[in-house]
C-alpha atoms as a PDB file:
ATOM      1  CA  MET A   1     130.985 -40.382-209.076  1.00  0.00           C
ATOM      2  CA  GLU A   2     131.947 -43.810-210.352  1.00  0.00           C
ATOM      3  CA  ALA A   3     134.950 -42.543-212.326  1.00  0.00           C
ATOM      4  CA  PRO A   4     136.478 -40.475-209.485  1.00  0.00           C
ATOM      5  CA  CYS A   5     135.947 -43.382-207.095  1.00  0.00           C
ATOM      6  CA  ALA A   6     137.504 -45.809-209.550  1.00  0.00           C
ATOM      7  CA  ALA A   7     140.497 -43.481-209.883  1.00  0.00           C
ATOM      8  CA  GLU A   8     140.946 -43.766-206.112  1.00  0.00           C
ATOM      9  CA  GLY A   9     140.545 -47.548-206.233  1.00  0.00           C
ATOM     10  CA  VAL A  10     137.292 -47.588-204.269  1.00  0.00           C
ATOM     11  CA  ARG A  11     133.673 -48.322-204.985  1.00  0.00           C
ATOM     12  CA  PRO A  12     131.169 -45.452-204.713  1.00  0.00           C
ATOM     13  CA  ALA A  13     129.793 -46.723-201.382  1.00  0.00           C
ATOM     14  CA  GLU A  14     133.348 -46.842-200.028  1.00  0.00           C
ATOM     15  CA  GLY A  15     133.871 -43.300-201.278  1.00  0.00           C
ATOM     16  CA  HIS A  16     130.864 -42.242-199.217  1.00  0.00           C
ATOM     17  CA  ILE A  17     132.452 -43.826-196.152  1.00  0.00           C
ATOM     18  CA  LEU A  18     135.714 -41.976-196.772  1.00  0.00           C
ATOM     19  CA  SER A  19     133.852 -38.691-197.072  1.00  0.00           C
ATOM     20  CA  TYR A  20     131.853 -39.404-193.914  1.00  0.00           C
ATOM     21  CA  LEU A  21     134.981 -40.233-191.945  1.00  0.00           C
ATOM     22  CA  ARG A  22     136.613 -37.039-193.203  1.00  0.00           C
ATOM     23  CA  SER A  23     133.849 -35.083-191.466  1.00  0.00           C
ATOM     24  CA  TYR A  24     133.001 -37.276-188.486  1.00  0.00           C
ATOM     25  CA  GLY A  25     135.951 -39.592-187.832  1.00  0.00           C
ATOM     26  CA  PRO A  26     136.995 -41.200-185.735  1.00  0.00           C
ATOM     27  CA  CYS A  27     133.647 -42.865-185.252  1.00  0.00           C
ATOM     28  CA  PRO A  28     132.348 -46.274-184.221  1.00  0.00           C
ATOM     29  CA  VAL A  29     131.352 -48.833-186.826  1.00  0.00           C
ATOM     30  CA  GLY A  30     127.803 -48.631-185.469  1.00  0.00           C
ATOM     31  CA  ALA A  31     127.577 -45.024-186.661  1.00  0.00           C
ATOM     32  CA  LEU A  32     128.197 -46.156-190.249  1.00  0.00           C
ATOM     33  CA  LEU A  33     125.479 -48.780-189.905  1.00  0.00           C
ATOM     34  CA  ASP A  34     123.048 -46.121-188.686  1.00  0.00           C
ATOM     35  CA  VAL A  35     123.980 -43.493-191.270  1.00  0.00           C
ATOM     36  CA  PHE A  36     124.206 -45.640-194.389  1.00  0.00           C
ATOM     37  CA  GLY A  37     121.761 -48.429-193.566  1.00  0.00           C
ATOM     38  CA  HIS A  38     123.937 -51.201-194.994  1.00  0.00           C
ATOM     39  CA  LYS A  39     123.949 -54.694-193.530  1.00  0.00           C
ATOM     40  CA  PRO A  40     126.746 -55.271-190.995  1.00  0.00           C
ATOM     41  CA  SER A  41     128.385 -57.821-193.301  1.00  0.00           C
ATOM     42  CA  THR A  42     128.426 -55.284-196.150  1.00  0.00           C
ATOM     43  CA  VAL A  43     130.040 -52.611-193.979  1.00  0.00           C
ATOM     44  CA  THR A  44     132.582 -55.130-192.690  1.00  0.00           C
ATOM     45  CA  SER A  45     133.565 -56.044-196.262  1.00  0.00           C
ATOM     46  CA  MET A  46     133.884 -52.395-197.284  1.00  0.00           C
ATOM     47  CA  LEU A  47     135.965 -51.557-194.221  1.00  0.00           C
ATOM     48  CA  THR A  48     138.243 -54.517-194.813  1.00  0.00           C
ATOM     49  CA  ARG A  49     138.923 -53.274-198.349  1.00  0.00           C
ATOM     50  CA  LEU A  50     139.552 -49.712-197.108  1.00  0.00           C
ATOM     51  CA  VAL A  51     141.967 -50.968-194.440  1.00  0.00           C
ATOM     52  CA  GLU A  52     143.775 -53.160-196.991  1.00  0.00           C
ATOM     53  CA  ARG A  53     144.189 -50.130-199.292  1.00  0.00           C
ATOM     54  CA  GLY A  54     145.628 -48.135-196.414  1.00  0.00           C
ATOM     55  CA  PHE A  55     142.772 -45.606-196.326  1.00  0.00           C
ATOM     56  CA  THR A  56     141.336 -46.380-192.882  1.00  0.00           C
ATOM     57  CA  THR A  57     142.315 -47.790-189.529  1.00  0.00           C
ATOM     58  CA  ARG A  58     140.280 -49.803-187.035  1.00  0.00           C
ATOM     59  CA  THR A  59     141.154 -49.487-183.361  1.00  0.00           C
ATOM     60  CA  PRO A  60     139.369 -50.665-180.240  1.00  0.00           C
ATOM     61  CA  SER A  61     137.818 -47.882-178.200  1.00  0.00           C
ATOM     62  CA  GLY A  62     139.690 -47.122-174.999  1.00  0.00           C
ATOM     63  CA  ASP A  63     136.387 -46.985-173.122  1.00  0.00           C
ATOM     64  CA  ASP A  64     134.811 -50.193-174.428  1.00  0.00           C
ATOM     65  CA  ARG A  65     136.920 -52.758-176.278  1.00  0.00           C
ATOM     66  CA  ARG A  66     133.774 -54.111-177.968  1.00  0.00           C
ATOM     67  CA  VAL A  67     133.509 -50.815-179.845  1.00  0.00           C
ATOM     68  CA  VAL A  68     135.750 -50.423-182.895  1.00  0.00           C
ATOM     69  CA  LEU A  69     136.636 -46.895-183.947  1.00  0.00           C
ATOM     70  CA  LEU A  70     137.286 -46.046-187.574  1.00  0.00           C
ATOM     71  CA  ASP A  71     139.526 -43.254-188.741  1.00  0.00           C
ATOM     72  CA  LEU A  72     141.231 -42.136-191.920  1.00  0.00           C
ATOM     73  CA  THR A  73     144.904 -42.516-192.576  1.00  0.00           C
ATOM     74  CA  ARG A  74     146.729 -39.621-194.203  1.00  0.00           C
ATOM     75  CA  GLU A  75     146.224 -41.248-197.598  1.00  0.00           C
ATOM     76  CA  GLY A  76     142.552 -41.860-196.818  1.00  0.00           C
ATOM     77  CA  ALA A  77     142.100 -38.186-195.948  1.00  0.00           C
ATOM     78  CA  ARG A  78     143.746 -37.169-199.221  1.00  0.00           C
ATOM     79  CA  ALA A  79     141.501 -39.563-201.172  1.00  0.00           C
ATOM     80  CA  ALA A  80     138.420 -38.207-199.379  1.00  0.00           C
ATOM     81  CA  ASP A  81     139.491 -34.651-200.216  1.00  0.00           C
ATOM     82  CA  ARG A  82     139.934 -35.532-203.890  1.00  0.00           C
ATOM     83  CA  LEU A  83     136.513 -37.201-203.994  1.00  0.00           C
ATOM     84  CA  ARG A  84     134.904 -34.192-202.341  1.00  0.00           C
ATOM     85  CA  ALA A  85     136.575 -31.896-204.867  1.00  0.00           C
ATOM     86  CA  SER A  86     135.193 -34.037-207.710  1.00  0.00           C
ATOM     87  CA  LEU A  87     131.709 -33.865-206.223  1.00  0.00           C
ATOM     88  CA  ALA A  88     131.959 -30.089-205.776  1.00  0.00           C
ATOM     89  CA  ALA A  89     133.017 -29.700-209.426  1.00  0.00           C
ATOM     90  CA  PHE A  90     130.161 -31.947-210.554  1.00  0.00           C
ATOM     91  CA  GLU A  91     127.655 -29.878-208.571  1.00  0.00           C
ATOM     92  CA  ALA A  92     129.121 -26.625-209.920  1.00  0.00           C
ATOM     93  CA  ASN A  93     128.677 -27.902-213.481  1.00  0.00           C
ATOM     94  CA  ILE A  94     125.034 -28.677-212.768  1.00  0.00           C
ATOM     95  CA  ARG A  95     124.450 -25.258-211.205  1.00  0.00           C
ATOM     96  CA  ALA A  96     125.974 -23.605-214.265  1.00  0.00           C
ATOM     97  CA  GLU A  97     123.479 -25.352-216.540  1.00  0.00           C
ATOM     98  CA  VAL A  98     120.242 -24.714-214.674  1.00  0.00           C
ATOM     99  CA  GLU A  99     118.306 -21.694-213.543  1.00  0.00           C
ATOM    100  CA  PRO A 100     118.536 -20.875-209.811  1.00  0.00           C
ATOM    101  CA  ARG A 101     114.766 -21.413-209.460  1.00  0.00           C
ATOM    102  CA  ASP A 102     115.271 -25.018-210.619  1.00  0.00           C
ATOM    103  CA  LEU A 103     117.624 -25.785-207.736  1.00  0.00           C
ATOM    104  CA  VAL A 104     114.895 -25.799-205.103  1.00  0.00           C
END
């Protein structure tokens, strides 16, 4: 997935975040820490890059201003959709080359 991520201008780990937000956004930063297991500083750096590229937004939660919610912008959603399509095509190519019994 390095090439499709590079085409979007993101690193593979950032591509995973985009895909996650496409399914579960908006979500708190803490959810990304729990799901991906990265250090907080690593997630902060990735989110800063995604915000700078215009793929995500960070907004304080209305319930608790200490909680920051992440969501995709329109462009971020389109990038996530393209990355998911690339992954689906990659998986389809693998399925076409192996026997169904080998996919267990």
